[in-house]
Amino acid sequence: MNHKSEYESVPTDEVEIGKENALEIEVPKALKVEDNMYVKFFRLLCCIVALQSSYLLWGIMQELIMNTKYNPTPNNPTGMFPSATFCVFSNRFLALIVSACLCIYNSGSVYSSASLLAFTPCALSNTISSWSQYQALSFVSFSLQTLFKSMKVIPVMFMGKVLKGKVYSYEEYIEAISITLGVIIFSYTTESDNNSSQTKTVLIGFILLCLYVIFDSFTSQYQSKLYDEHPTVSSHHMMFGVNASAIIITVFGLVISGEIFKVMEFFYYNPSSFWYNVLTAITSTTGQIAIMYTIKHFGAVAFTIIMTSRQMFSIVLSNIIFGHVMSWQSYIGCGIVFGTIFYSIRRQIKSNMKK
């Protein structure tokens, strides 16, 4: 029986556009002998630079928005950014414009065989997962959030079994448990500024992270299901449909909650927070485009290695910039997680070469 792994289902804030799953290994087309090796290497290098720069900067902007104490405002005396929903909205707004342009350029229309309503379930789950991701930064460290993303293995496998009847090997379950164990070790041993009051690993933070991984896992599996039901839907149309529905959901949430007025007031008193949101939206969108190109031309293996490395760089960079402190036990947890992921990649490359 041919087992397909769906381990690193790509975080939907990073991509909600690819038909390939990050660890569903295919032999990259770019490895054909007749291709010009120098051109291929240069393109791969550009992909690495684009992905790393986009998402490293995106992560820093996330932390600056949600963890920085700005000038207090009349309606927000704490000085903390008042709306994770607006962060999701700003990302989706720019992505909607870019995806619409890509749809028109490639197929002449933003419309596809799937109606906008068909994208709504994954747009809703994508919005909830993205909102949870931003909101969690008020309660847990960025390093823990980044590593926690790797723990999507188990919910991704569960959603795959429920939604698509996927079958997984015992080795895949062992890898999933190892990654989860590494995250648990990291989360229980992480220190934050040597100040217990700032540790932030409180129950609500873990609940938000659990919401993130569960809904993000549903999103990727539901997208895969949509591709199966609508074979003519392109990745650009998927990107447009999800973002269009997400825009409607986030605008409704901002208006009903009254957060839109708090955000506008906050931007007036703290203009730098506006530009942080703009930069976050730009890097999120450029990252999505880089992901599309990387998976198409170099395959899922290269993409997964680049993105896994990016997670490690994100943790290191966050610790340097924001002065986070990690214990030696935390480094052990990181080692278990990333070691298991790279082992999984290596195992599937070997398996793919035998076929």
Protein backbone atom coordinates (compact mmCIF):
# COMPACT_ATOMS: atom_id res chain seq x y z
CA MET A 1 0.00 0.00 0.00
CA ASN A 2 1.28 3.45 -0.84
CA HIS A 3 1.28 5.65 2.24
CA LYS A 4 1.40 9.39 1.72
CA SER A 5 2.57 11.60 4.54
CA GLU A 6 0.83 14.88 5.23
CA TYR A 7 3.05 15.90 8.05
CA GLU A 8 4.00 19.46 7.49
CA SER A 9 0.73 20.72 6.13
CA VAL A 10 1.82 24.24 5.35
CA PRO A 11 0.60 26.92 7.79
CA THR A 12 -2.24 28.68 6.10
CA ASP A 13 -0.94 32.08 6.97
CA GLU A 14 2.08 31.07 4.98
CA VAL A 15 0.24 29.37 2.16
CA GLU A 16 -3.29 28.46 1.31
CA ILE A 17 -2.65 27.85 -2.34
CA GLY A 18 -0.80 24.63 -3.13
CA LYS A 19 -2.25 21.34 -4.25
CA GLU A 20 0.86 19.55 -2.98
CA ASN A 21 1.22 18.87 0.72
CA ALA A 22 4.59 19.90 2.10
CA LEU A 23 5.78 16.41 2.86
CA GLU A 24 3.93 14.58 0.12
CA ILE A 25 7.10 13.86 -1.76
CA GLU A 26 7.35 14.03 -5.52
CA VAL A 27 10.52 13.90 -7.59
CA PRO A 28 11.16 17.58 -8.42
CA LYS A 29 10.89 18.37 -12.09
CA ALA A 30 13.85 20.71 -11.62
CA LEU A 31 16.14 17.69 -11.15
CA LYS A 32 15.97 16.66 -14.80
CA VAL A 33 19.46 16.25 -16.24
CA GLU A 34 18.79 18.32 -19.30
CA ASP A 35 18.00 21.43 -17.27
CA ASN A 36 20.72 24.06 -17.08
CA MET A 37 22.32 23.46 -13.66
CA TYR A 38 23.49 27.04 -13.20
CA VAL A 39 20.09 28.52 -14.03
CA LYS A 40 18.43 25.96 -11.79
CA PHE A 41 20.79 26.74 -8.91
CA PHE A 42 20.23 30.48 -9.31
CA ARG A 43 16.45 30.02 -9.27
CA LEU A 44 16.64 27.81 -6.19
CA LEU A 45 18.84 30.39 -4.49
CA CYS A 46 16.27 33.10 -5.31
CA CYS A 47 13.53 30.89 -3.83
CA ILE A 48 15.53 30.38 -0.64
CA VAL A 49 16.19 34.11 -0.28
CA ALA A 50 12.56 35.00 -1.02
CA LEU A 51 11.10 32.45 1.41
CA GLN A 52 13.56 33.10 4.22
CA SER A 53 13.43 36.90 3.98
CA SER A 54 9.64 37.01 3.60
CA TYR A 55 8.79 34.77 6.53
CA LEU A 56 11.61 35.80 8.86
CA LEU A 57 10.49 39.42 8.46
CA TRP A 58 6.84 38.33 8.69
CA GLY A 59 7.51 36.65 12.04
CA ILE A 60 9.32 39.70 13.40
CA MET A 61 6.45 41.96 12.32
CA GLN A 62 3.95 39.64 14.01
CA GLU A 63 5.81 39.89 17.28
CA LEU A 64 6.27 43.65 16.99
CA ILE A 65 2.55 44.13 16.41
CA MET A 66 1.23 41.90 19.18
CA ASN A 67 3.97 42.12 21.82
CA THR A 68 5.04 45.77 21.65
CA LYS A 69 3.63 48.20 24.18
CA TYR A 70 2.69 51.33 22.23
CA ASN A 71 1.37 54.71 23.33
CA PRO A 72 -1.93 54.33 25.24
CA THR A 73 -5.11 55.61 23.58
CA PRO A 74 -8.40 56.77 25.14
CA ASN A 75 -10.07 53.46 24.26
CA ASN A 76 -6.98 51.33 24.80
CA PRO A 77 -5.06 52.42 27.91
CA THR A 78 -2.87 49.28 27.88
CA GLY A 79 -1.04 50.39 24.73
CA MET A 80 -1.24 46.88 23.22
CA PHE A 81 -2.51 46.42 19.67
CA PRO A 82 -6.29 46.02 20.04
CA SER A 83 -7.25 43.58 17.27
CA ALA A 84 -5.82 40.30 16.03
CA THR A 85 -8.74 40.23 13.58
CA PHE A 86 -7.42 43.33 11.82
CA CYS A 87 -4.02 41.65 11.40
CA VAL A 88 -5.76 38.79 9.59
CA PHE A 89 -7.78 41.28 7.51
CA SER A 90 -4.71 43.23 6.36
CA ASN A 91 -2.97 40.03 5.23
CA ARG A 92 -6.04 38.81 3.38
CA PHE A 93 -6.72 42.19 1.75
CA LEU A 94 -3.38 42.39 -0.04
CA ALA A 95 -3.41 38.66 -0.85
CA LEU A 96 -6.86 39.10 -2.43
CA ILE A 97 -5.59 41.85 -4.75
CA VAL A 98 -2.50 39.87 -5.76
CA SER A 99 -4.43 36.62 -6.30
CA ALA A 100 -7.04 38.44 -8.41
CA CYS A 101 -4.26 39.81 -10.63
CA LEU A 102 -2.72 36.34 -10.94
CA CYS A 103 -6.10 34.79 -11.85
CA ILE A 104 -6.76 37.38 -14.55
CA TYR A 105 -3.21 37.12 -15.92
CA ASN A 106 -3.22 33.32 -16.08
CA SER A 107 -6.83 32.45 -16.93
CA GLY A 108 -8.54 35.74 -17.77
CA SER A 109 -11.04 35.62 -14.90
CA VAL A 110 -11.28 35.36 -11.12
CA TYR A 111 -14.22 32.96 -11.48
CA SER A 112 -13.74 29.21 -11.41
CA SER A 113 -15.89 26.09 -11.44
CA ALA A 114 -16.25 26.36 -7.65
CA SER A 115 -18.55 29.03 -6.21
CA LEU A 116 -17.38 31.48 -3.55
CA LEU A 117 -19.55 29.61 -1.06
CA ALA A 118 -17.51 26.45 -1.69
CA PHE A 119 -14.42 28.19 -0.31
CA THR A 120 -16.21 29.49 2.80
CA PRO A 121 -15.55 26.50 5.15
CA CYS A 122 -11.79 26.63 4.64
CA ALA A 123 -11.85 30.46 4.66
CA LEU A 124 -13.60 30.36 8.04
CA SER A 125 -11.16 27.80 9.45
CA ASN A 126 -8.25 29.75 7.96
CA THR A 127 -9.48 32.96 9.60
CA ILE A 128 -9.89 31.28 12.99
CA SER A 129 -6.44 29.67 12.79
CA SER A 130 -4.78 32.95 11.74
CA TRP A 131 -6.62 34.91 14.45
CA SER A 132 -5.58 32.33 17.05
CA GLN A 133 -1.98 32.55 15.87
CA TYR A 134 -1.86 36.33 16.35
CA GLN A 135 -3.84 36.31 19.61
CA ALA A 136 -1.65 33.58 21.10
CA LEU A 137 1.35 35.93 21.01
CA SER A 138 -0.28 37.83 23.88
CA PHE A 139 0.06 34.74 26.06
CA VAL A 140 2.98 32.62 24.81
CA SER A 141 6.43 33.31 23.43
CA PHE A 142 7.03 33.51 19.69
CA SER A 143 9.53 30.63 19.97
CA LEU A 144 6.89 28.36 21.49
CA GLN A 145 4.34 29.39 18.86
CA THR A 146 6.80 28.68 16.05
CA LEU A 147 7.69 25.26 17.41
CA PHE A 148 4.04 24.48 18.18
CA LYS A 149 3.31 24.68 14.45
CA SER A 150 5.28 21.49 14.01
CA MET A 151 2.79 19.73 16.28
CA LYS A 152 0.17 19.98 13.54
CA VAL A 153 1.27 16.50 12.56
CA ILE A 154 -1.35 14.70 14.66
CA PRO A 155 -4.37 16.91 13.79
CA VAL A 156 -3.34 16.88 10.10
CA MET A 157 -3.29 13.09 10.14
CA PHE A 158 -6.61 12.99 11.99
CA MET A 159 -8.27 15.39 9.51
CA GLY A 160 -6.85 13.41 6.60
CA LYS A 161 -8.34 10.21 7.99
CA VAL A 162 -11.74 11.82 8.68
CA LEU A 163 -12.11 13.92 5.53
CA LYS A 164 -10.29 11.80 2.95
CA GLY A 165 -9.90 8.32 4.47
CA LYS A 166 -6.09 8.50 4.45
CA VAL A 167 -4.11 5.57 5.84
CA TYR A 168 -0.82 6.15 7.68
CA SER A 169 2.06 3.83 8.57
CA TYR A 170 3.27 3.04 12.08
CA GLU A 171 6.48 4.95 11.35
CA GLU A 172 4.47 8.09 10.58
CA TYR A 173 2.60 7.79 13.88
CA ILE A 174 5.91 7.37 15.76
CA GLU A 175 7.28 10.51 14.07
CA ALA A 176 4.12 12.40 15.00
CA ILE A 177 4.44 11.37 18.65
CA SER A 178 8.15 12.35 18.68
CA ILE A 179 7.39 15.82 17.37
CA THR A 180 4.61 16.27 19.93
CA LEU A 181 6.95 15.14 22.71
CA GLY A 182 9.58 17.65 21.61
CA VAL A 183 7.05 20.48 21.70
CA ILE A 184 5.90 19.45 25.20
CA ILE A 185 9.49 19.43 26.48
CA PHE A 186 10.12 22.84 24.94
CA SER A 187 6.92 24.41 26.26
CA TYR A 188 7.43 23.25 29.85
CA THR A 189 11.07 24.33 30.09
CA THR A 190 11.12 27.64 28.22
CA GLU A 191 12.10 30.65 30.26
CA SER A 192 11.08 34.17 29.34
CA ASP A 193 13.36 37.01 30.42
CA ASN A 194 14.03 35.14 33.67
CA ASN A 195 10.78 36.61 34.94
CA SER A 196 8.02 34.17 35.83
CA SER A 197 5.37 36.87 35.39
CA GLN A 198 6.36 37.14 31.72
CA THR A 199 6.54 33.41 30.97
CA LYS A 200 3.09 33.61 29.30
CA THR A 201 2.68 29.86 28.94
CA VAL A 202 -0.76 30.10 30.49
CA LEU A 203 -3.75 27.91 29.74
CA ILE A 204 -5.42 30.40 27.40
CA GLY A 205 -2.26 30.55 25.28
CA PHE A 206 -2.23 26.79 24.84
CA ILE A 207 -5.93 26.80 24.01
CA LEU A 208 -5.31 29.38 21.27
CA LEU A 209 -2.39 27.38 19.88
CA CYS A 210 -4.53 24.23 19.87
CA LEU A 211 -7.24 26.13 17.98
CA TYR A 212 -4.59 27.25 15.52
CA VAL A 213 -3.26 23.78 14.71
CA ILE A 214 -6.71 22.15 14.59
CA PHE A 215 -8.31 24.70 12.26
CA ASP A 216 -5.16 25.05 10.17
CA SER A 217 -5.11 21.29 9.69
CA PHE A 218 -8.76 21.32 8.64
CA THR A 219 -8.05 24.11 6.14
CA SER A 220 -5.36 22.25 4.23
CA GLN A 221 -7.34 19.00 4.13
CA TYR A 222 -10.52 20.76 3.01
CA GLN A 223 -8.57 22.55 0.28
CA SER A 224 -7.27 19.19 -0.92
CA LYS A 225 -10.86 17.93 -0.93
CA LEU A 226 -11.93 20.96 -3.01
CA TYR A 227 -9.19 20.26 -5.54
CA ASP A 228 -10.47 16.70 -5.87
CA GLU A 229 -14.06 17.87 -6.35
CA HIS A 230 -13.13 20.72 -8.73
CA PRO A 231 -10.10 19.58 -10.81
CA THR A 232 -10.13 22.76 -12.93
CA VAL A 233 -9.62 25.05 -9.92
CA SER A 234 -6.08 26.48 -10.05
CA SER A 235 -3.95 27.41 -7.07
CA HIS A 236 -4.53 31.10 -7.90
CA HIS A 237 -8.31 30.61 -7.85
CA MET A 238 -7.99 28.77 -4.54
CA MET A 239 -5.97 31.67 -3.16
CA PHE A 240 -8.54 34.18 -4.44
CA GLY A 241 -11.59 32.22 -3.21
CA VAL A 242 -10.22 31.68 0.29
CA ASN A 243 -9.09 35.28 0.66
CA ALA A 244 -12.34 36.70 -0.72
CA SER A 245 -14.41 34.74 1.78
CA ALA A 246 -11.95 35.57 4.57
CA ILE A 247 -12.27 39.30 3.82
CA ILE A 248 -16.05 39.11 4.27
CA ILE A 249 -15.67 37.20 7.54
CA THR A 250 -13.03 39.53 9.02
CA VAL A 251 -14.83 42.74 8.02
CA PHE A 252 -18.01 41.42 9.61
CA GLY A 253 -16.09 40.58 12.78
CA LEU A 254 -14.37 43.99 12.91
CA VAL A 255 -17.65 45.88 12.52
CA ILE A 256 -19.71 43.77 14.93
CA SER A 257 -17.04 43.85 17.65
CA GLY A 258 -16.37 47.55 17.19
CA GLU A 259 -12.63 46.81 16.87
CA ILE A 260 -12.37 48.72 13.60
CA PHE A 261 -12.82 52.02 15.43
CA LYS A 262 -10.30 51.07 18.11
CA VAL A 263 -7.78 50.13 15.41
CA MET A 264 -8.23 53.43 13.54
CA GLU A 265 -7.74 55.33 16.79
CA PHE A 266 -4.70 53.21 17.60
CA PHE A 267 -3.13 53.94 14.21
CA TYR A 268 -3.65 57.67 14.79
CA TYR A 269 -1.73 57.57 18.08
CA ASN A 270 0.76 54.93 16.89
CA PRO A 271 1.45 55.25 13.15
CA SER A 272 4.35 52.78 13.34
CA SER A 273 1.86 49.97 14.11
CA PHE A 274 0.12 50.72 10.80
CA TRP A 275 3.34 50.25 8.86
CA TYR A 276 4.07 47.03 10.75
CA ASN A 277 0.69 45.74 9.53
CA VAL A 278 1.51 46.80 5.98
CA LEU A 279 4.88 45.05 6.09
CA THR A 280 3.26 41.92 7.53
CA ALA A 281 0.73 41.87 4.67
CA ILE A 282 3.47 42.39 2.05
CA THR A 283 5.75 39.67 3.41
CA SER A 284 2.84 37.24 3.80
CA THR A 285 1.86 37.78 0.17
CA THR A 286 5.39 37.62 -1.26
CA GLY A 287 5.86 34.45 0.78
CA GLN A 288 2.77 32.87 -0.77
CA ILE A 289 4.06 33.65 -4.28
CA ALA A 290 7.49 32.23 -3.42
CA ILE A 291 5.86 29.06 -2.09
CA MET A 292 3.88 28.57 -5.31
CA TYR A 293 7.00 28.95 -7.43
CA THR A 294 9.19 26.74 -5.20
CA ILE A 295 6.76 23.83 -5.05
CA LYS A 296 6.07 24.02 -8.79
CA HIS A 297 9.71 24.10 -9.92
CA PHE A 298 11.62 22.31 -7.15
CA GLY A 299 9.06 20.05 -5.50
CA ALA A 300 7.87 19.52 -1.96
CA VAL A 301 11.18 18.20 -0.59
CA ALA A 302 13.15 21.37 -1.29
CA PHE A 303 10.27 23.50 -0.07
CA THR A 304 9.92 21.60 3.20
CA ILE A 305 13.64 21.77 3.96
CA ILE A 306 13.67 25.52 3.35
CA MET A 307 10.61 26.12 5.53
CA THR A 308 11.83 23.86 8.33
CA SER A 309 15.13 25.73 8.36
CA ARG A 310 13.15 28.96 8.45
CA GLN A 311 11.42 27.88 11.65
CA MET A 312 14.78 27.37 13.34
CA PHE A 313 16.07 30.71 12.08
CA SER A 314 12.87 32.40 13.29
CA ILE A 315 13.38 31.13 16.83
CA VAL A 316 17.04 32.20 16.89
CA LEU A 317 16.29 35.62 15.39
CA SER A 318 13.40 36.23 17.79
CA ASN A 319 15.58 35.33 20.77
CA ILE A 320 18.30 37.74 19.62
CA ILE A 321 16.04 40.68 18.75
CA PHE A 322 13.59 40.42 21.65
CA GLY A 323 15.95 38.98 24.27
CA HIS A 324 14.07 35.74 24.92
CA VAL A 325 15.90 33.21 27.08
CA MET A 326 15.80 29.45 26.48
CA SER A 327 16.97 26.74 28.88
CA TRP A 328 19.09 23.78 27.76
CA GLN A 329 16.00 21.58 28.06
CA SER A 330 14.27 23.83 25.53
CA TYR A 331 17.09 23.25 23.05
CA ILE A 332 16.62 19.50 23.53
CA GLY A 333 12.92 19.91 22.67
CA CYS A 334 13.86 21.89 19.55
CA GLY A 335 16.37 19.22 18.57
CA ILE A 336 13.78 16.45 18.87
CA VAL A 337 11.25 18.34 16.74
CA PHE A 338 13.53 19.43 13.91
CA GLY A 339 15.51 16.20 13.99
CA THR A 340 12.32 14.19 13.52
CA ILE A 341 11.16 16.43 10.66
CA PHE A 342 14.45 16.11 8.80
CA TYR A 343 14.45 12.35 9.41
CA SER A 344 10.95 12.19 7.93
CA ILE A 345 12.11 14.11 4.85
CA ARG A 346 15.11 11.78 4.42
CA ARG A 347 12.95 8.68 4.88
CA GLN A 348 10.50 9.78 2.22
CA ILE A 349 13.24 10.75 -0.23
CA LYS A 350 14.65 7.23 0.07
CA SER A 351 11.19 5.72 -0.29
CA ASN A 352 10.52 7.86 -3.36
CA MET A 353 13.81 6.83 -5.00
CA LYS A 354 12.90 3.14 -4.68
CA LYS A 355 9.65 3.59 -6.60
